């Protein structure tokens, strides 16, 4: 199964573009910081990643302010250039 659930801050948002099929697509940057337990010891985690949203989910992302935190759900795939991974966002739950 390929499923990712990530609490993150929206730190970048490119201009809306459209796929050849006419679907809206939005490239964004996400930043996550937390403290987790690894082998019973606390570990600080800090990372940034690229993500893309296609279709209806783009509406929620365009309504978000940069710096806003939300819960992002989706899946991982290889980047088109073959370098690294990119998250495809399928759902956004904005934090109240």
N, C-alpha and C. Protein backbone atom coordinates (compact mmCIF):
# COMPACT_ATOMS: atom_id res chain seq x y z
N UNK A 1 0.84 -1.18 0.00
CA UNK A 1 0.00 0.00 0.00
C UNK A 1 0.89 1.25 0.00
N UNK A 2 0.51 2.25 -0.74
CA UNK A 2 1.23 3.50 -0.84
C UNK A 2 0.29 4.61 -0.37
N UNK A 3 0.38 4.98 0.91
CA UNK A 3 -0.48 6.01 1.49
C UNK A 3 0.35 6.85 2.44
N UNK A 4 0.25 8.17 2.30
CA UNK A 4 0.99 9.08 3.16
C UNK A 4 0.02 10.05 3.81
N UNK A 5 0.15 10.23 5.12
CA UNK A 5 -0.63 11.18 5.88
C UNK A 5 0.37 12.06 6.61
N UNK A 6 0.33 13.37 6.34
CA UNK A 6 1.36 14.27 6.84
C UNK A 6 0.76 15.58 7.31
N UNK A 7 1.07 15.94 8.56
CA UNK A 7 0.73 17.26 9.06
C UNK A 7 1.87 18.18 8.63
N UNK A 8 1.54 19.23 7.88
CA UNK A 8 2.60 20.08 7.34
C UNK A 8 2.10 21.50 7.13
N UNK A 9 3.07 22.36 6.93
CA UNK A 9 2.82 23.77 6.66
C UNK A 9 2.98 24.01 5.16
N UNK A 10 2.05 24.75 4.57
CA UNK A 10 2.15 25.13 3.16
C UNK A 10 3.17 26.26 3.04
N UNK A 11 4.30 26.01 2.38
CA UNK A 11 5.35 27.02 2.30
C UNK A 11 5.59 27.56 0.89
N UNK A 12 5.09 26.88 -0.13
CA UNK A 12 5.23 27.35 -1.51
C UNK A 12 3.98 26.97 -2.29
N UNK A 13 3.61 27.82 -3.24
CA UNK A 13 2.49 27.50 -4.12
C UNK A 13 2.76 28.15 -5.47
N UNK A 14 2.86 27.34 -6.50
CA UNK A 14 3.08 27.85 -7.86
C UNK A 14 1.73 28.30 -8.44
N UNK A 15 1.79 28.89 -9.61
CA UNK A 15 0.57 29.30 -10.31
C UNK A 15 -0.20 28.06 -10.77
N UNK A 16 -1.50 28.16 -10.81
CA UNK A 16 -2.33 27.07 -11.28
C UNK A 16 -1.98 26.76 -12.73
N UNK A 17 -1.90 25.48 -13.04
CA UNK A 17 -1.67 25.05 -14.42
C UNK A 17 -2.73 24.00 -14.73
N UNK A 18 -2.76 23.52 -15.97
CA UNK A 18 -3.76 22.54 -16.37
C UNK A 18 -3.09 21.38 -17.09
N UNK A 19 -3.57 20.17 -16.81
CA UNK A 19 -3.05 18.98 -17.46
C UNK A 19 -3.55 18.95 -18.90
N UNK A 20 -2.96 18.09 -19.74
CA UNK A 20 -3.46 17.97 -21.12
C UNK A 20 -4.95 17.58 -21.16
N UNK A 21 -5.44 16.92 -20.11
CA UNK A 21 -6.85 16.54 -20.04
C UNK A 21 -7.74 17.69 -19.55
N UNK A 22 -7.11 18.84 -19.22
CA UNK A 22 -7.87 20.00 -18.78
C UNK A 22 -8.12 20.07 -17.29
N UNK A 23 -7.50 19.20 -16.51
CA UNK A 23 -7.68 19.23 -15.05
C UNK A 23 -6.75 20.26 -14.42
N UNK A 24 -7.23 20.99 -13.40
CA UNK A 24 -6.34 21.92 -12.71
C UNK A 24 -5.26 21.16 -11.95
N UNK A 25 -4.05 21.71 -11.95
CA UNK A 25 -2.92 21.09 -11.24
C UNK A 25 -2.16 22.19 -10.51
N UNK A 26 -1.71 21.89 -9.31
CA UNK A 26 -1.03 22.88 -8.48
C UNK A 26 0.19 22.24 -7.83
N UNK A 27 1.36 22.83 -8.07
CA UNK A 27 2.61 22.38 -7.45
C UNK A 27 2.81 23.19 -6.17
N UNK A 28 3.11 22.49 -5.06
CA UNK A 28 3.28 23.17 -3.78
C UNK A 28 4.51 22.63 -3.06
N UNK A 29 4.91 23.35 -2.02
CA UNK A 29 5.98 22.91 -1.13
C UNK A 29 5.42 22.77 0.27
N UNK A 30 5.79 21.70 0.95
CA UNK A 30 5.33 21.44 2.30
C UNK A 30 6.51 21.35 3.25
N UNK A 31 6.31 21.81 4.49
CA UNK A 31 7.34 21.73 5.52
C UNK A 31 6.74 21.06 6.75
N UNK A 32 7.47 20.07 7.27
CA UNK A 32 7.02 19.34 8.46
C UNK A 32 8.10 19.40 9.53
N UNK A 33 7.67 19.65 10.78
CA UNK A 33 8.56 19.61 11.93
C UNK A 33 7.82 18.95 13.08
N UNK A 34 8.47 18.00 13.73
CA UNK A 34 7.85 17.33 14.88
C UNK A 34 8.93 16.64 15.70
N UNK A 35 8.50 16.10 16.83
CA UNK A 35 9.38 15.26 17.63
C UNK A 35 8.69 13.91 17.78
N UNK A 36 9.39 12.86 17.39
CA UNK A 36 8.86 11.50 17.42
C UNK A 36 9.72 10.62 18.30
N UNK A 37 9.24 9.44 18.58
CA UNK A 37 10.01 8.47 19.35
C UNK A 37 10.56 7.42 18.41
N UNK A 38 11.86 7.19 18.49
CA UNK A 38 12.51 6.15 17.69
C UNK A 38 13.32 5.28 18.63
N UNK A 39 12.94 4.02 18.72
CA UNK A 39 13.60 3.07 19.61
C UNK A 39 13.59 3.59 21.05
N UNK A 40 12.47 4.20 21.43
CA UNK A 40 12.31 4.69 22.78
C UNK A 40 13.00 6.01 23.09
N UNK A 41 13.60 6.62 22.10
CA UNK A 41 14.31 7.89 22.31
C UNK A 41 13.68 8.98 21.45
N UNK A 42 13.62 10.21 21.97
CA UNK A 42 13.03 11.30 21.18
C UNK A 42 13.92 11.67 20.00
N UNK A 43 13.28 11.97 18.89
CA UNK A 43 14.01 12.39 17.69
C UNK A 43 13.27 13.55 17.04
N UNK A 44 14.00 14.63 16.79
CA UNK A 44 13.42 15.77 16.09
C UNK A 44 13.45 15.50 14.59
N UNK A 45 12.33 15.77 13.94
CA UNK A 45 12.20 15.55 12.51
C UNK A 45 11.87 16.88 11.86
N UNK A 46 12.62 17.23 10.83
CA UNK A 46 12.37 18.46 10.08
C UNK A 46 12.67 18.17 8.62
N UNK A 47 11.68 18.45 7.75
CA UNK A 47 11.91 18.19 6.33
C UNK A 47 10.97 19.03 5.48
N UNK A 48 11.38 19.21 4.24
CA UNK A 48 10.55 19.87 3.24
C UNK A 48 10.41 18.92 2.07
N UNK A 49 9.24 18.97 1.42
CA UNK A 49 9.03 18.12 0.26
C UNK A 49 8.15 18.81 -0.76
N UNK A 50 8.30 18.35 -1.99
CA UNK A 50 7.46 18.85 -3.08
C UNK A 50 6.21 18.00 -3.15
N UNK A 51 5.11 18.63 -3.57
CA UNK A 51 3.85 17.91 -3.72
C UNK A 51 3.08 18.50 -4.89
N UNK A 52 2.13 17.74 -5.39
CA UNK A 52 1.26 18.19 -6.47
C UNK A 52 -0.17 17.77 -6.15
N UNK A 53 -1.11 18.61 -6.52
CA UNK A 53 -2.53 18.30 -6.38
C UNK A 53 -3.16 18.45 -7.76
N UNK A 54 -4.02 17.52 -8.09
CA UNK A 54 -4.69 17.54 -9.40
C UNK A 54 -6.19 17.37 -9.18
N UNK A 55 -6.97 18.19 -9.86
CA UNK A 55 -8.42 18.09 -9.77
C UNK A 55 -9.01 18.96 -8.67
N UNK A 56 -10.13 18.48 -8.10
CA UNK A 56 -10.89 19.27 -7.12
C UNK A 56 -10.11 19.68 -5.89
N UNK A 57 -9.15 18.87 -5.46
CA UNK A 57 -8.38 19.17 -4.25
C UNK A 57 -7.60 20.48 -4.39
N UNK A 58 -7.37 20.95 -5.60
CA UNK A 58 -6.66 22.22 -5.80
C UNK A 58 -7.42 23.40 -5.20
N UNK A 59 -8.75 23.29 -5.13
CA UNK A 59 -9.57 24.39 -4.57
C UNK A 59 -9.21 24.67 -3.12
N UNK A 60 -9.06 23.60 -2.32
CA UNK A 60 -8.70 23.78 -0.91
C UNK A 60 -7.32 24.40 -0.77
N UNK A 61 -6.40 24.04 -1.66
CA UNK A 61 -5.03 24.56 -1.58
C UNK A 61 -4.95 26.03 -2.00
N UNK A 62 -5.74 26.44 -2.96
CA UNK A 62 -5.72 27.85 -3.36
C UNK A 62 -6.35 28.74 -2.30
N UNK A 63 -7.25 28.16 -1.47
CA UNK A 63 -7.88 28.92 -0.40
C UNK A 63 -6.98 29.06 0.83
N UNK A 64 -5.93 28.25 0.91
CA UNK A 64 -5.03 28.29 2.07
C UNK A 64 -4.03 29.43 1.96
N UNK A 65 -3.69 30.00 3.11
CA UNK A 65 -2.64 31.01 3.16
C UNK A 65 -1.29 30.32 3.29
N UNK A 66 -0.26 30.94 2.73
CA UNK A 66 1.09 30.41 2.94
C UNK A 66 1.38 30.46 4.43
N UNK A 67 1.97 29.40 4.95
CA UNK A 67 2.25 29.30 6.38
C UNK A 67 1.19 28.54 7.15
N UNK A 68 0.05 28.30 6.52
CA UNK A 68 -1.04 27.58 7.18
C UNK A 68 -0.69 26.09 7.30
N UNK A 69 -1.11 25.49 8.41
CA UNK A 69 -0.86 24.06 8.68
C UNK A 69 -2.14 23.28 8.38
N UNK A 70 -1.97 22.12 7.76
CA UNK A 70 -3.10 21.25 7.45
C UNK A 70 -2.63 19.80 7.47
N UNK A 71 -3.58 18.89 7.40
CA UNK A 71 -3.30 17.47 7.30
C UNK A 71 -3.47 17.08 5.84
N UNK A 72 -2.38 16.62 5.22
CA UNK A 72 -2.37 16.28 3.79
C UNK A 72 -2.36 14.76 3.65
N UNK A 73 -3.22 14.22 2.81
CA UNK A 73 -3.27 12.79 2.55
C UNK A 73 -3.01 12.57 1.06
N UNK A 74 -2.33 11.48 0.75
CA UNK A 74 -2.06 11.17 -0.65
C UNK A 74 -1.14 9.98 -0.78
N UNK A 75 -0.34 9.99 -1.85
CA UNK A 75 0.58 8.88 -2.11
C UNK A 75 1.88 9.43 -2.69
N UNK A 76 2.93 8.62 -2.65
CA UNK A 76 4.24 9.01 -3.15
C UNK A 76 4.49 8.37 -4.51
N UNK A 77 5.19 9.11 -5.36
CA UNK A 77 5.63 8.58 -6.64
C UNK A 77 6.97 9.22 -6.99
N UNK A 78 7.67 8.64 -7.94
CA UNK A 78 8.93 9.21 -8.38
C UNK A 78 8.68 10.50 -9.15
N UNK A 79 9.59 11.45 -9.00
CA UNK A 79 9.49 12.71 -9.75
C UNK A 79 9.71 12.44 -11.22
N UNK A 80 9.14 13.28 -12.06
CA UNK A 80 9.25 13.09 -13.52
C UNK A 80 10.68 13.07 -14.01
N UNK A 81 11.55 13.83 -13.37
CA UNK A 81 12.95 13.87 -13.80
C UNK A 81 13.76 12.71 -13.22
N UNK A 82 13.10 11.83 -12.46
CA UNK A 82 13.78 10.67 -11.89
C UNK A 82 14.60 10.97 -10.65
N UNK A 83 14.49 12.19 -10.14
CA UNK A 83 15.26 12.59 -8.95
C UNK A 83 14.32 12.80 -7.77
N UNK A 84 14.33 11.87 -6.85
CA UNK A 84 13.55 12.03 -5.64
C UNK A 84 12.11 11.60 -5.77
N UNK A 85 11.35 11.94 -4.73
CA UNK A 85 9.95 11.57 -4.64
C UNK A 85 9.08 12.81 -4.61
N UNK A 86 7.83 12.65 -4.99
CA UNK A 86 6.86 13.73 -4.92
C UNK A 86 5.56 13.17 -4.36
N UNK A 87 4.92 13.94 -3.50
CA UNK A 87 3.64 13.52 -2.93
C UNK A 87 2.52 14.01 -3.83
N UNK A 88 1.60 13.12 -4.17
CA UNK A 88 0.38 13.49 -4.88
C UNK A 88 -0.72 13.61 -3.84
N UNK A 89 -1.23 14.80 -3.67
CA UNK A 89 -2.22 15.07 -2.63
C UNK A 89 -3.62 14.72 -3.15
N UNK A 90 -4.33 13.93 -2.36
CA UNK A 90 -5.69 13.55 -2.71
C UNK A 90 -6.73 14.15 -1.77
N UNK A 91 -6.27 14.63 -0.59
CA UNK A 91 -7.18 15.20 0.39
C UNK A 91 -6.43 16.19 1.28
N UNK A 92 -7.12 17.28 1.64
CA UNK A 92 -6.55 18.28 2.55
C UNK A 92 -7.58 18.54 3.65
N UNK A 93 -7.16 18.40 4.90
CA UNK A 93 -8.01 18.74 6.04
C UNK A 93 -7.36 19.91 6.76
N UNK A 94 -7.94 21.09 6.57
CA UNK A 94 -7.40 22.29 7.22
C UNK A 94 -7.66 22.23 8.70
N UNK A 95 -6.67 22.66 9.49
CA UNK A 95 -6.76 22.65 10.95
C UNK A 95 -7.52 23.87 11.41
N UNK A 96 -8.48 23.70 12.34
CA UNK A 96 -9.27 24.86 12.83
C UNK A 96 -8.44 25.80 13.67
